[in-house]
Amino acid sequence: MALQHQNLTNEQSKCLIAFGSNKSGDFSVSVQVINVALRALSRKGLFKVETSEFYQTPAFPTGSGPDFVNGVLRAETALDAGSLLAILHEVEADAGRTRDQRWEARVLDLDLIDFDGSILPNEGVYQTWRTMPLSEQMTRAPEQMILPHPRVQDRPFVLVPMRDVAPDWVHPVTGVSLDAMLADFSVAELAEIRPINQSL
């Protein structure tokens, strides 16, 4: 996105972005793709970037592809949320991301999880997507930005790396802490999310 098309604010906003890749069963390929994307984001308006460990996580839904390399970054930006989301999609496209099928294997996945605690477009729309049955989620994608990410509390592969960079995060709608959300998962579920060697 050209700079003249970006909407800049006068203040820095804090954001949380989940990243992942599972296009290849070779973790070193996924790590390389992610590192290229993180460098691109640093050139496109993200500052004070702090990145979690990289984790090996099972694909979701189960059996939908190779294991992921997942993580979360915390950063500040003068961009508004819409412009930031457009940049995430641009970086995904540059990496070769396609959107042919919901939850397909992905060369790169960048999800805006939280933007300064914003609830967008409103709490009603958020709750519609938050409570949507899994069968419907698998066939529908929102046509507008929804914040916070409506499935974050259901995804330990996001919550575990979030703990590395934002351990005090509290869900802006429910008021539930990150630790409390993680406590809803079994030891076995959390054990599936394993740190990997980022120098692969």
N, C-alpha and C. Protein backbone atom coordinates (compact mmCIF):
# COMPACT_ATOMS: atom_id res chain seq x y z
N MET A 1 0.86 -1.19 0.00
CA MET A 1 0.00 0.00 0.00
C MET A 1 0.89 1.24 0.00
N ALA A 2 0.68 2.13 -0.93
CA ALA A 2 1.47 3.35 -0.99
C ALA A 2 1.18 4.23 0.20
N LEU A 3 2.20 4.94 0.66
CA LEU A 3 2.06 5.74 1.87
C LEU A 3 0.93 6.74 1.77
N GLN A 4 0.70 7.32 0.60
CA GLN A 4 -0.33 8.34 0.48
C GLN A 4 -1.73 7.77 0.68
N HIS A 5 -1.89 6.43 0.62
CA HIS A 5 -3.19 5.83 0.82
C HIS A 5 -3.40 5.35 2.25
N GLN A 6 -2.37 5.48 3.08
CA GLN A 6 -2.50 5.04 4.45
C GLN A 6 -3.14 6.14 5.29
N ASN A 7 -3.95 5.72 6.24
CA ASN A 7 -4.55 6.65 7.18
C ASN A 7 -3.73 6.66 8.45
N LEU A 8 -3.06 7.77 8.72
CA LEU A 8 -2.19 7.88 9.88
C LEU A 8 -2.91 8.63 10.99
N THR A 9 -2.63 8.24 12.23
CA THR A 9 -3.19 8.92 13.38
C THR A 9 -2.09 9.76 14.02
N ASN A 10 -2.48 10.63 14.92
CA ASN A 10 -1.49 11.47 15.60
C ASN A 10 -0.80 10.74 16.74
N GLU A 11 -1.35 9.63 17.17
CA GLU A 11 -0.80 8.90 18.29
C GLU A 11 -0.46 7.47 17.87
N GLN A 12 0.47 6.86 18.61
CA GLN A 12 0.82 5.47 18.37
C GLN A 12 -0.22 4.57 19.05
N SER A 13 -0.68 3.58 18.33
CA SER A 13 -1.59 2.58 18.87
C SER A 13 -0.85 1.27 19.05
N LYS A 14 -1.22 0.52 20.06
CA LYS A 14 -0.61 -0.79 20.31
C LYS A 14 -1.45 -1.86 19.63
N CYS A 15 -0.77 -2.82 19.03
CA CYS A 15 -1.48 -3.89 18.34
C CYS A 15 -0.83 -5.24 18.62
N LEU A 16 -1.64 -6.28 18.48
CA LEU A 16 -1.18 -7.66 18.58
C LEU A 16 -1.54 -8.36 17.29
N ILE A 17 -0.55 -9.00 16.67
CA ILE A 17 -0.74 -9.67 15.39
C ILE A 17 -0.25 -11.11 15.51
N ALA A 18 -1.12 -12.07 15.20
CA ALA A 18 -0.72 -13.46 15.17
C ALA A 18 -0.17 -13.80 13.79
N PHE A 19 0.88 -14.60 13.74
CA PHE A 19 1.45 -15.00 12.45
C PHE A 19 1.63 -16.51 12.42
N GLY A 20 1.56 -17.06 11.21
CA GLY A 20 1.74 -18.50 11.07
C GLY A 20 2.01 -18.89 9.63
N SER A 21 2.56 -20.08 9.47
CA SER A 21 2.81 -20.64 8.14
C SER A 21 2.81 -22.15 8.24
N ASN A 22 2.12 -22.82 7.32
CA ASN A 22 2.20 -24.29 7.24
C ASN A 22 2.12 -24.78 5.81
N LYS A 23 2.53 -23.95 4.87
CA LYS A 23 2.47 -24.36 3.47
C LYS A 23 3.42 -25.53 3.21
N SER A 24 4.51 -25.58 3.98
CA SER A 24 5.50 -26.64 3.80
C SER A 24 5.63 -27.42 5.10
N GLY A 25 5.86 -28.74 4.97
CA GLY A 25 6.15 -29.55 6.14
C GLY A 25 7.54 -29.31 6.67
N ASP A 26 8.35 -28.56 5.93
CA ASP A 26 9.70 -28.21 6.34
C ASP A 26 9.64 -26.93 7.17
N PHE A 27 9.87 -27.04 8.47
CA PHE A 27 9.73 -25.88 9.35
C PHE A 27 10.68 -24.75 8.97
N SER A 28 11.86 -25.10 8.42
CA SER A 28 12.81 -24.04 8.07
C SER A 28 12.24 -23.13 6.99
N VAL A 29 11.41 -23.69 6.09
CA VAL A 29 10.77 -22.88 5.05
C VAL A 29 9.77 -21.92 5.69
N SER A 30 8.96 -22.43 6.60
CA SER A 30 7.97 -21.60 7.27
C SER A 30 8.63 -20.51 8.10
N VAL A 31 9.71 -20.85 8.80
CA VAL A 31 10.43 -19.85 9.60
C VAL A 31 10.97 -18.75 8.70
N GLN A 32 11.52 -19.12 7.54
CA GLN A 32 12.05 -18.13 6.61
C GLN A 32 10.95 -17.22 6.09
N VAL A 33 9.81 -17.80 5.71
CA VAL A 33 8.68 -17.00 5.23
C VAL A 33 8.25 -15.99 6.29
N ILE A 34 8.14 -16.44 7.52
CA ILE A 34 7.70 -15.56 8.61
C ILE A 34 8.71 -14.45 8.85
N ASN A 35 9.98 -14.78 8.86
CA ASN A 35 11.00 -13.75 9.10
C ASN A 35 11.00 -12.68 8.01
N VAL A 36 10.80 -13.09 6.77
CA VAL A 36 10.69 -12.11 5.67
C VAL A 36 9.49 -11.21 5.91
N ALA A 37 8.37 -11.80 6.32
CA ALA A 37 7.16 -11.02 6.56
C ALA A 37 7.34 -10.05 7.72
N LEU A 38 8.00 -10.48 8.78
CA LEU A 38 8.22 -9.60 9.94
C LEU A 38 9.09 -8.40 9.55
N ARG A 39 10.09 -8.65 8.71
CA ARG A 39 10.93 -7.53 8.25
C ARG A 39 10.11 -6.57 7.39
N ALA A 40 9.22 -7.11 6.56
CA ALA A 40 8.37 -6.27 5.72
C ALA A 40 7.46 -5.40 6.58
N LEU A 41 6.89 -5.97 7.62
CA LEU A 41 5.99 -5.21 8.50
C LEU A 41 6.74 -4.08 9.19
N SER A 42 7.99 -4.31 9.55
CA SER A 42 8.78 -3.27 10.19
C SER A 42 9.06 -2.10 9.25
N ARG A 43 9.02 -2.38 7.93
CA ARG A 43 9.22 -1.31 6.95
C ARG A 43 7.92 -0.61 6.59
N LYS A 44 6.79 -1.16 7.02
CA LYS A 44 5.49 -0.66 6.57
C LYS A 44 4.68 -0.03 7.69
N GLY A 45 5.34 0.45 8.73
CA GLY A 45 4.61 1.23 9.73
C GLY A 45 4.47 0.63 11.10
N LEU A 46 5.17 -0.48 11.39
CA LEU A 46 5.17 -1.03 12.74
C LEU A 46 6.47 -0.66 13.44
N PHE A 47 6.35 -0.26 14.70
CA PHE A 47 7.50 0.16 15.47
C PHE A 47 7.52 -0.58 16.81
N LYS A 48 8.69 -0.58 17.44
CA LYS A 48 8.86 -1.25 18.74
C LYS A 48 8.31 -2.67 18.68
N VAL A 49 8.68 -3.38 17.62
CA VAL A 49 8.15 -4.73 17.41
C VAL A 49 8.81 -5.70 18.39
N GLU A 50 7.98 -6.43 19.11
CA GLU A 50 8.44 -7.48 20.01
C GLU A 50 7.78 -8.77 19.56
N THR A 51 8.59 -9.81 19.34
CA THR A 51 8.09 -11.05 18.77
C THR A 51 8.21 -12.19 19.76
N SER A 52 7.19 -13.02 19.81
CA SER A 52 7.20 -14.20 20.68
C SER A 52 8.19 -15.24 20.16
N GLU A 53 8.36 -16.28 20.96
CA GLU A 53 9.00 -17.48 20.45
C GLU A 53 8.19 -18.00 19.27
N PHE A 54 8.80 -18.81 18.41
CA PHE A 54 8.08 -19.50 17.36
C PHE A 54 7.68 -20.87 17.91
N TYR A 55 6.45 -21.31 17.59
CA TYR A 55 5.93 -22.56 18.13
C TYR A 55 5.45 -23.48 17.01
N GLN A 56 5.69 -24.78 17.19
CA GLN A 56 5.09 -25.80 16.33
C GLN A 56 3.72 -26.12 16.89
N THR A 57 2.69 -26.01 16.05
CA THR A 57 1.33 -26.25 16.52
C THR A 57 0.57 -27.09 15.49
N PRO A 58 -0.34 -27.95 15.94
CA PRO A 58 -1.14 -28.74 14.99
C PRO A 58 -2.02 -27.84 14.14
N ALA A 59 -2.22 -28.23 12.89
CA ALA A 59 -3.10 -27.47 12.00
C ALA A 59 -4.52 -27.49 12.55
N PHE A 60 -5.25 -26.39 12.31
CA PHE A 60 -6.66 -26.29 12.69
C PHE A 60 -7.48 -25.99 11.45
N PRO A 61 -8.59 -26.72 11.24
CA PRO A 61 -9.07 -27.88 11.99
C PRO A 61 -8.13 -29.08 11.85
N THR A 62 -8.24 -30.04 12.77
CA THR A 62 -7.36 -31.20 12.80
C THR A 62 -7.35 -31.90 11.44
N GLY A 63 -6.15 -32.19 10.94
CA GLY A 63 -6.01 -32.90 9.69
C GLY A 63 -6.08 -32.03 8.46
N SER A 64 -6.12 -30.70 8.64
CA SER A 64 -6.28 -29.81 7.48
C SER A 64 -4.96 -29.46 6.80
N GLY A 65 -3.84 -29.97 7.31
CA GLY A 65 -2.57 -29.67 6.69
C GLY A 65 -1.42 -29.98 7.62
N PRO A 66 -0.18 -29.66 7.18
CA PRO A 66 0.99 -29.87 8.04
C PRO A 66 0.91 -28.99 9.29
N ASP A 67 1.73 -29.33 10.28
CA ASP A 67 1.82 -28.49 11.47
C ASP A 67 2.23 -27.07 11.09
N PHE A 68 1.77 -26.11 11.88
CA PHE A 68 2.10 -24.71 11.69
C PHE A 68 3.35 -24.33 12.46
N VAL A 69 4.00 -23.29 11.99
CA VAL A 69 4.87 -22.46 12.81
C VAL A 69 4.04 -21.23 13.15
N ASN A 70 3.81 -20.99 14.45
CA ASN A 70 2.95 -19.90 14.90
C ASN A 70 3.69 -19.00 15.89
N GLY A 71 3.22 -17.76 15.98
CA GLY A 71 3.73 -16.82 16.97
C GLY A 71 2.86 -15.58 16.99
N VAL A 72 3.23 -14.64 17.84
CA VAL A 72 2.51 -13.38 17.97
C VAL A 72 3.51 -12.25 18.10
N LEU A 73 3.21 -11.13 17.46
CA LEU A 73 4.04 -9.94 17.66
C LEU A 73 3.21 -8.84 18.31
N ARG A 74 3.90 -8.03 19.08
CA ARG A 74 3.32 -6.84 19.71
C ARG A 74 4.07 -5.65 19.15
N ALA A 75 3.36 -4.62 18.76
CA ALA A 75 4.01 -3.47 18.14
C ALA A 75 3.19 -2.21 18.36
N GLU A 76 3.76 -1.09 17.95
CA GLU A 76 3.05 0.18 17.93
C GLU A 76 3.01 0.69 16.50
N THR A 77 1.98 1.47 16.19
CA THR A 77 1.83 2.00 14.84
C THR A 77 1.04 3.29 14.86
N ALA A 78 1.32 4.16 13.89
CA ALA A 78 0.52 5.37 13.69
C ALA A 78 -0.60 5.12 12.69
N LEU A 79 -0.66 3.92 12.12
CA LEU A 79 -1.73 3.57 11.19
C LEU A 79 -3.03 3.35 11.94
N ASP A 80 -4.16 3.56 11.27
CA ASP A 80 -5.41 3.14 11.86
C ASP A 80 -5.59 1.64 11.61
N ALA A 81 -6.59 1.05 12.25
CA ALA A 81 -6.76 -0.40 12.19
C ALA A 81 -7.02 -0.89 10.78
N GLY A 82 -7.83 -0.15 10.02
CA GLY A 82 -8.14 -0.57 8.65
C GLY A 82 -6.92 -0.57 7.75
N SER A 83 -6.08 0.46 7.89
CA SER A 83 -4.86 0.52 7.08
C SER A 83 -3.89 -0.58 7.47
N LEU A 84 -3.81 -0.87 8.76
CA LEU A 84 -2.93 -1.94 9.21
C LEU A 84 -3.39 -3.28 8.66
N LEU A 85 -4.71 -3.54 8.70
CA LEU A 85 -5.22 -4.80 8.16
C LEU A 85 -4.91 -4.92 6.67
N ALA A 86 -5.04 -3.82 5.93
CA ALA A 86 -4.73 -3.84 4.50
C ALA A 86 -3.26 -4.20 4.27
N ILE A 87 -2.38 -3.70 5.13
CA ILE A 87 -0.95 -4.02 5.00
C ILE A 87 -0.70 -5.49 5.31
N LEU A 88 -1.39 -6.03 6.30
CA LEU A 88 -1.23 -7.45 6.60
C LEU A 88 -1.62 -8.29 5.38
N HIS A 89 -2.73 -7.93 4.73
CA HIS A 89 -3.16 -8.67 3.54
C HIS A 89 -2.16 -8.50 2.39
N GLU A 90 -1.57 -7.31 2.30
CA GLU A 90 -0.57 -7.06 1.25
C GLU A 90 0.66 -7.93 1.46
N VAL A 91 1.14 -8.02 2.70
CA VAL A 91 2.32 -8.84 2.99
C VAL A 91 2.00 -10.31 2.77
N GLU A 92 0.80 -10.74 3.13
CA GLU A 92 0.39 -12.13 2.84
C GLU A 92 0.43 -12.40 1.34
N ALA A 93 -0.14 -11.48 0.56
CA ALA A 93 -0.18 -11.67 -0.89
C ALA A 93 1.23 -11.70 -1.48
N ASP A 94 2.12 -10.85 -0.97
CA ASP A 94 3.50 -10.84 -1.45
C ASP A 94 4.20 -12.17 -1.19
N ALA A 95 3.76 -12.86 -0.13
CA ALA A 95 4.35 -14.16 0.19
C ALA A 95 3.72 -15.29 -0.61
N GLY A 96 2.68 -14.97 -1.39
CA GLY A 96 2.01 -15.99 -2.20
C GLY A 96 0.75 -16.55 -1.58
N ARG A 97 0.20 -15.86 -0.57
CA ARG A 97 -1.01 -16.34 0.10
C ARG A 97 -2.20 -16.29 -0.86
N THR A 98 -2.97 -17.36 -0.88
CA THR A 98 -4.23 -17.40 -1.61
C THR A 98 -5.35 -17.62 -0.61
N ARG A 99 -6.58 -17.35 -1.03
CA ARG A 99 -7.74 -17.52 -0.16
C ARG A 99 -8.81 -18.33 -0.89
N ASP A 100 -8.39 -19.49 -1.42
CA ASP A 100 -9.30 -20.31 -2.21
C ASP A 100 -10.24 -21.13 -1.34
N GLN A 101 -9.79 -21.45 -0.14
CA GLN A 101 -10.58 -22.32 0.73
C GLN A 101 -10.39 -21.88 2.17
N ARG A 102 -11.47 -21.89 2.95
CA ARG A 102 -11.41 -21.51 4.36
C ARG A 102 -10.50 -22.47 5.11
N TRP A 103 -9.52 -21.92 5.87
CA TRP A 103 -8.62 -22.70 6.72
C TRP A 103 -7.81 -23.72 5.92
N GLU A 104 -7.44 -23.35 4.69
CA GLU A 104 -6.54 -24.20 3.92
C GLU A 104 -5.12 -24.04 4.44
N ALA A 105 -4.20 -24.92 3.97
CA ALA A 105 -2.79 -24.72 4.28
C ALA A 105 -2.37 -23.35 3.75
N ARG A 106 -1.54 -22.65 4.53
CA ARG A 106 -1.25 -21.26 4.20
C ARG A 106 0.25 -20.99 4.21
N VAL A 107 0.72 -20.38 3.13
CA VAL A 107 2.12 -19.99 3.11
C VAL A 107 2.38 -18.93 4.16
N LEU A 108 1.38 -18.06 4.43
CA LEU A 108 1.51 -17.04 5.45
C LEU A 108 0.14 -16.60 5.92
N ASP A 109 -0.01 -16.50 7.22
CA ASP A 109 -1.27 -16.06 7.82
C ASP A 109 -0.94 -14.96 8.82
N LEU A 110 -1.52 -13.79 8.64
CA LEU A 110 -1.33 -12.67 9.56
C LEU A 110 -2.70 -12.21 10.02
N ASP A 111 -2.96 -12.33 11.31
CA ASP A 111 -4.28 -11.97 11.86
C ASP A 111 -4.12 -10.85 12.88
N LEU A 112 -4.89 -9.79 12.68
CA LEU A 112 -4.92 -8.71 13.67
C LEU A 112 -5.80 -9.17 14.83
N ILE A 113 -5.19 -9.34 15.99
CA ILE A 113 -5.87 -9.88 17.16
C ILE A 113 -6.48 -8.78 18.01
N ASP A 114 -5.73 -7.71 18.21
CA ASP A 114 -6.18 -6.63 19.08
C ASP A 114 -5.56 -5.32 18.58
N PHE A 115 -6.34 -4.26 18.66
CA PHE A 115 -5.85 -2.94 18.26
C PHE A 115 -6.28 -1.94 19.33
N ASP A 116 -5.40 -1.73 20.29
CA ASP A 116 -5.67 -0.79 21.38
C ASP A 116 -6.98 -1.07 22.12
N GLY A 117 -7.36 -2.34 22.17
CA GLY A 117 -8.59 -2.69 22.87
C GLY A 117 -9.86 -2.31 22.14
N SER A 118 -9.76 -1.98 20.85
CA SER A 118 -10.94 -1.57 20.07
C SER A 118 -11.94 -2.72 19.94
N ILE A 119 -13.22 -2.38 19.93
CA ILE A 119 -14.29 -3.33 19.64
C ILE A 119 -14.95 -2.87 18.35
N LEU A 120 -14.69 -3.58 17.26
CA LEU A 120 -15.12 -3.14 15.93
C LEU A 120 -15.80 -4.27 15.18
N PRO A 121 -16.83 -3.93 14.33
CA PRO A 121 -17.42 -2.60 14.14
C PRO A 121 -18.30 -2.17 15.31
N ASN A 122 -18.80 -3.19 16.06
CA ASN A 122 -19.56 -2.93 17.28
C ASN A 122 -19.68 -4.25 18.03
N GLU A 123 -20.15 -4.18 19.27
CA GLU A 123 -20.18 -5.39 20.08
C GLU A 123 -21.20 -6.40 19.55
N GLY A 124 -22.29 -5.93 18.93
CA GLY A 124 -23.28 -6.84 18.39
C GLY A 124 -22.73 -7.72 17.29
N VAL A 125 -22.03 -7.11 16.34
CA VAL A 125 -21.42 -7.88 15.25
C VAL A 125 -20.34 -8.80 15.81
N TYR A 126 -19.57 -8.28 16.74
CA TYR A 126 -18.53 -9.12 17.37
C TYR A 126 -19.17 -10.37 17.97
N GLN A 127 -20.25 -10.22 18.74
CA GLN A 127 -20.87 -11.36 19.40
C GLN A 127 -21.45 -12.35 18.39
N THR A 128 -21.94 -11.85 17.26
CA THR A 128 -22.46 -12.75 16.22
C THR A 128 -21.37 -13.71 15.76
N TRP A 129 -20.18 -13.16 15.52
CA TRP A 129 -19.08 -14.00 15.05
C TRP A 129 -18.46 -14.80 16.18
N ARG A 130 -18.49 -14.27 17.37
CA ARG A 130 -17.93 -14.98 18.52
C ARG A 130 -18.71 -16.25 18.81
N THR A 131 -20.01 -16.22 18.65
CA THR A 131 -20.86 -17.35 19.01
C THR A 131 -21.26 -18.21 17.81
N MET A 132 -20.72 -17.92 16.65
CA MET A 132 -21.08 -18.67 15.45
C MET A 132 -20.63 -20.13 15.56
N PRO A 133 -21.49 -21.10 15.24
CA PRO A 133 -21.10 -22.51 15.29
C PRO A 133 -19.92 -22.80 14.37
N LEU A 134 -19.09 -23.76 14.78
CA LEU A 134 -17.91 -24.09 14.00
C LEU A 134 -18.25 -24.46 12.57
N SER A 135 -19.35 -25.19 12.37
CA SER A 135 -19.72 -25.60 11.02
C SER A 135 -19.96 -24.40 10.11
N GLU A 136 -20.50 -23.32 10.68
CA GLU A 136 -20.74 -22.12 9.89
C GLU A 136 -19.45 -21.32 9.69
N GLN A 137 -18.60 -21.30 10.73
CA GLN A 137 -17.31 -20.62 10.58
C GLN A 137 -16.50 -21.19 9.42
N MET A 138 -16.63 -22.50 9.20
CA MET A 138 -15.83 -23.16 8.18
C MET A 138 -16.25 -22.80 6.77
N THR A 139 -17.41 -22.18 6.62
CA THR A 139 -17.89 -21.84 5.28
C THR A 139 -18.05 -20.34 5.06
N ARG A 140 -17.88 -19.54 6.13
CA ARG A 140 -18.09 -18.10 6.02
C ARG A 140 -16.86 -17.34 6.51
N ALA A 141 -16.59 -16.23 5.86
CA ALA A 141 -15.54 -15.32 6.31
C ALA A 141 -16.17 -13.94 6.43
N PRO A 142 -15.83 -13.19 7.48
CA PRO A 142 -16.43 -11.86 7.63
C PRO A 142 -16.02 -10.93 6.50
N GLU A 143 -16.93 -10.05 6.12
CA GLU A 143 -16.65 -9.09 5.05
C GLU A 143 -16.19 -7.75 5.61
N GLN A 144 -16.04 -7.67 6.91
CA GLN A 144 -15.54 -6.46 7.55
C GLN A 144 -14.60 -6.85 8.68
N MET A 145 -13.83 -5.89 9.11
CA MET A 145 -12.90 -6.15 10.19
C MET A 145 -13.65 -6.31 11.50
N ILE A 146 -13.31 -7.35 12.25
CA ILE A 146 -13.91 -7.59 13.55
C ILE A 146 -12.81 -7.64 14.59
N LEU A 147 -12.93 -6.78 15.59
CA LEU A 147 -11.94 -6.72 16.67
C LEU A 147 -12.64 -6.70 18.02
N PRO A 148 -12.01 -7.36 19.02
CA PRO A 148 -10.84 -8.23 18.91
C PRO A 148 -11.16 -9.45 18.04
N HIS A 149 -10.14 -10.19 17.65
CA HIS A 149 -10.38 -11.37 16.84
C HIS A 149 -11.39 -12.26 17.57
N PRO A 150 -12.51 -12.62 16.91
CA PRO A 150 -13.59 -13.29 17.64
C PRO A 150 -13.27 -14.70 18.11
N ARG A 151 -12.17 -15.32 17.63
CA ARG A 151 -11.86 -16.69 18.04
C ARG A 151 -10.62 -16.76 18.92
N VAL A 152 -10.06 -15.64 19.33
CA VAL A 152 -8.78 -15.68 20.04
C VAL A 152 -8.85 -16.54 21.29
N GLN A 153 -9.95 -16.47 22.04
CA GLN A 153 -10.05 -17.21 23.29
C GLN A 153 -10.15 -18.72 23.07
N ASP A 154 -10.42 -19.13 21.84
CA ASP A 154 -10.56 -20.55 21.51
C ASP A 154 -9.28 -21.16 20.96
N ARG A 155 -8.22 -20.37 20.82
CA ARG A 155 -7.05 -20.81 20.07
C ARG A 155 -5.79 -20.75 20.93
N PRO A 156 -5.44 -21.86 21.55
CA PRO A 156 -4.23 -21.86 22.37
C PRO A 156 -2.97 -21.58 21.57
N PHE A 157 -3.01 -21.86 20.25
CA PHE A 157 -1.83 -21.59 19.43
C PHE A 157 -1.60 -20.09 19.24
N VAL A 158 -2.59 -19.27 19.59
CA VAL A 158 -2.41 -17.82 19.65
C VAL A 158 -2.14 -17.38 21.08
N LEU A 159 -2.86 -17.93 22.02
CA LEU A 159 -2.75 -17.50 23.42
C LEU A 159 -1.38 -17.80 24.01
N VAL A 160 -0.81 -18.96 23.69
CA VAL A 160 0.50 -19.32 24.26
C VAL A 160 1.58 -18.33 23.83
N PRO A 161 1.74 -18.06 22.52
CA PRO A 161 2.74 -17.05 22.16
C PRO A 161 2.36 -15.64 22.60
N MET A 162 1.07 -15.33 22.73
CA MET A 162 0.69 -14.02 23.26
C MET A 162 1.25 -13.80 24.66
N ARG A 163 1.33 -14.88 25.41
CA ARG A 163 1.85 -14.78 26.78
C ARG A 163 3.31 -14.31 26.79
N ASP A 164 4.04 -14.59 25.71
CA ASP A 164 5.44 -14.14 25.62
C ASP A 164 5.54 -12.63 25.52
N VAL A 165 4.59 -11.99 24.82
CA VAL A 165 4.73 -10.56 24.51
C VAL A 165 3.69 -9.68 25.19
N ALA A 166 2.58 -10.28 25.66
CA ALA A 166 1.51 -9.48 26.28
C ALA A 166 0.87 -10.27 27.42
N PRO A 167 1.67 -10.65 28.43
CA PRO A 167 1.13 -11.52 29.49
C PRO A 167 0.00 -10.90 30.29
N ASP A 168 -0.09 -9.58 30.29
CA ASP A 168 -1.14 -8.90 31.06
C ASP A 168 -2.37 -8.56 30.22
N TRP A 169 -2.45 -9.08 29.00
CA TRP A 169 -3.57 -8.74 28.12
C TRP A 169 -4.88 -9.22 28.71
N VAL A 170 -5.89 -8.38 28.61
CA VAL A 170 -7.24 -8.69 29.07
C VAL A 170 -8.19 -8.51 27.89
N HIS A 171 -9.07 -9.47 27.69
CA HIS A 171 -10.00 -9.40 26.56
C HIS A 171 -10.89 -8.16 26.70
N PRO A 172 -10.94 -7.30 25.69
CA PRO A 172 -11.68 -6.04 25.82
C PRO A 172 -13.19 -6.18 25.89
N VAL A 173 -13.72 -7.33 25.48
CA VAL A 173 -15.18 -7.54 25.55
C VAL A 173 -15.55 -8.27 26.84
N THR A 174 -14.88 -9.37 27.11
CA THR A 174 -15.27 -10.22 28.24
C THR A 174 -14.60 -9.83 29.55
N GLY A 175 -13.46 -9.11 29.46
CA GLY A 175 -12.73 -8.77 30.67
C GLY A 175 -11.94 -9.93 31.25
N VAL A 176 -11.84 -11.04 30.52
CA VAL A 176 -11.13 -12.23 30.99
C VAL A 176 -9.63 -12.08 30.69
N SER A 177 -8.80 -12.43 31.65
CA SER A 177 -7.36 -12.30 31.49
C SER A 177 -6.81 -13.42 30.61
N LEU A 178 -5.62 -13.19 30.09
CA LEU A 178 -4.96 -14.20 29.26
C LEU A 178 -4.73 -15.48 30.05
N ASP A 179 -4.28 -15.36 31.29
CA ASP A 179 -4.04 -16.55 32.11
C ASP A 179 -5.33 -17.35 32.32
N ALA A 180 -6.45 -16.64 32.53
CA ALA A 180 -7.72 -17.33 32.73
C ALA A 180 -8.16 -18.05 31.46
N MET A 181 -7.92 -17.44 30.29
CA MET A 181 -8.27 -18.10 29.03
C MET A 181 -7.44 -19.36 28.84
N LEU A 182 -6.15 -19.28 29.15
CA LEU A 182 -5.28 -20.45 29.01
C LEU A 182 -5.68 -21.55 29.97
N ALA A 183 -6.21 -21.18 31.13
CA ALA A 183 -6.60 -22.18 32.12
C ALA A 183 -7.77 -23.04 31.65
N ASP A 184 -8.47 -22.60 30.61
CA ASP A 184 -9.59 -23.37 30.08
C ASP A 184 -9.14 -24.56 29.24
N PHE A 185 -7.84 -24.62 28.92
CA PHE A 185 -7.32 -25.70 28.08
C PHE A 185 -6.64 -26.75 28.95
N SER A 186 -6.70 -27.99 28.49
CA SER A 186 -6.09 -29.08 29.24
C SER A 186 -4.57 -29.03 29.10
N VAL A 187 -3.90 -29.73 30.00
CA VAL A 187 -2.44 -29.84 29.92
C VAL A 187 -2.04 -30.46 28.58
N ALA A 188 -2.80 -31.45 28.15
CA ALA A 188 -2.48 -32.12 26.88
C ALA A 188 -2.60 -31.18 25.70
N GLU A 189 -3.65 -30.33 25.69
CA GLU A 189 -3.83 -29.38 24.60
C GLU A 189 -2.68 -28.38 24.55
N LEU A 190 -2.28 -27.89 25.69
CA LEU A 190 -1.20 -26.90 25.73
C LEU A 190 0.14 -27.54 25.39
N ALA A 191 0.30 -28.83 25.70
CA ALA A 191 1.56 -29.52 25.41
C ALA A 191 1.77 -29.70 23.91
N GLU A 192 0.69 -29.57 23.12
CA GLU A 192 0.82 -29.70 21.67
C GLU A 192 1.51 -28.48 21.05
N ILE A 193 1.65 -27.41 21.81
CA ILE A 193 2.23 -26.16 21.31
C ILE A 193 3.66 -26.09 21.83
N ARG A 194 4.61 -26.39 20.94
CA ARG A 194 5.99 -26.60 21.36
C ARG A 194 6.92 -25.57 20.73
N PRO A 195 7.79 -24.93 21.54
CA PRO A 195 8.75 -24.00 20.96
C PRO A 195 9.67 -24.70 19.96
N ILE A 196 10.03 -23.99 18.90
CA ILE A 196 10.96 -24.56 17.92
C ILE A 196 12.19 -23.67 17.80
N ASN A 197 13.19 -24.21 17.18
CA ASN A 197 14.45 -23.50 16.99
C ASN A 197 14.29 -22.50 15.85
N GLN A 198 14.33 -21.19 16.15
CA GLN A 198 14.12 -20.17 15.13
C GLN A 198 15.28 -20.05 14.15
N SER A 199 16.39 -20.70 14.47
CA SER A 199 17.55 -20.61 13.56
C SER A 199 17.54 -21.72 12.52
N LEU A 200 16.42 -22.44 12.43
CA LEU A 200 16.32 -23.53 11.43
C LEU A 200 16.67 -23.03 10.05
